[in-house]
């Protein structure tokens, strides 16, 4: 879905003009997914067959792209950790062969990566960021073998025999992550064969798929202590050019692993009037791997609790009731930790959540919630 954001105005300035101050706390990133499309870039206009392993790699003919990895982990004693490791690519201008040959210093692609750890026991949320140009090997993506990196943070893997395996690694002051991940289900294409429409106009769309079921094992480091962990993760992949239509001010995105083996992704696009866009949508995937497309009318979302950031003053709806009547799901979703606001070059709330059923056929769930544009 419209996930966080591939880049930011301040990051572009910092990376291309070599300025030192790269902070813009009020930037929610929406400007990079809307506006008038640059004619030099390709747009998502019609369904296309997703091809693997090729589509795990980069799509430089589109302006924006991201690899978005989130998950819930636990140590041997049950201690819970959430994590986010995300890589965003934003093209300043459409590249040409002449541009690439001009200089090794020249870069039309800007990269941003975000890394966050939720330490539920200690009530800590720790974040870090990398910003770089795609030049001199500082950042980039390769397809075979798959490697996405921004400086020393990386996501690497292969898709041998249709089974995706990944290694995620990031290290920063006070937080570390090293995970091996293996898909237990194939990728899920959202929308119409991967074409996820975000508006009425042709081109207000993205190509979007997820790998919703990833088994994870490895280690998490927090403030000098290292914990061996296992758990589940979710990979979101999306690329587009000007995907959001005018009037969209934000979104609420849910990705849930349900205890019966199903998975659920749903995004609610919000309009200027605070209403849900009819182009909100998602997917429900049964335990057997069968996908059901979800429209805006299929899912009822109601905020049931809010949290206000002491740092930015922003008020976020961090707890929800989600009703998916067609699957008999009535979930109360709450965060493991209220303070999971990412306040870096862009600002949004992205956090680990858990859920319980409100009615019959009781299940539990855990996953991630993103709140953008508040």
Foldseek 3Di string as FASTA:
>chain_A
DPPQAQDDPLLVCCAPVVDDDSADLAFQHPVQQADDFDPQADFQFDADADDPPQQVWDDLSFFKKKKWKKWWKAFPVGFIKIKIKMKMKGFQDRDDPCQVPPDLSDARIKMKIKIWMQRLVVLDIDIDMAIYGPGPPQFGFDRVQTWGDHHPWIKTWHQPPNKIWIWGWDDDVFKTDTKIKTQPAGKAAADDNQWQAQDDDRRLTKRKIKRQWIWMWDWMGGRHDIGTIITTMMIIIITGTNNHYPFFQWKKWDWKQKPQQKIWIWMFTAGPVRDTDQSTWTWIADNVGDIDTGTPVQKDKDQDDWDADPVPRDIDSAWIWIDRVVVPATKTKHFSHRPQWDRGNHTWHKGKIKIWGPDPPIIIIIDMMIITRD
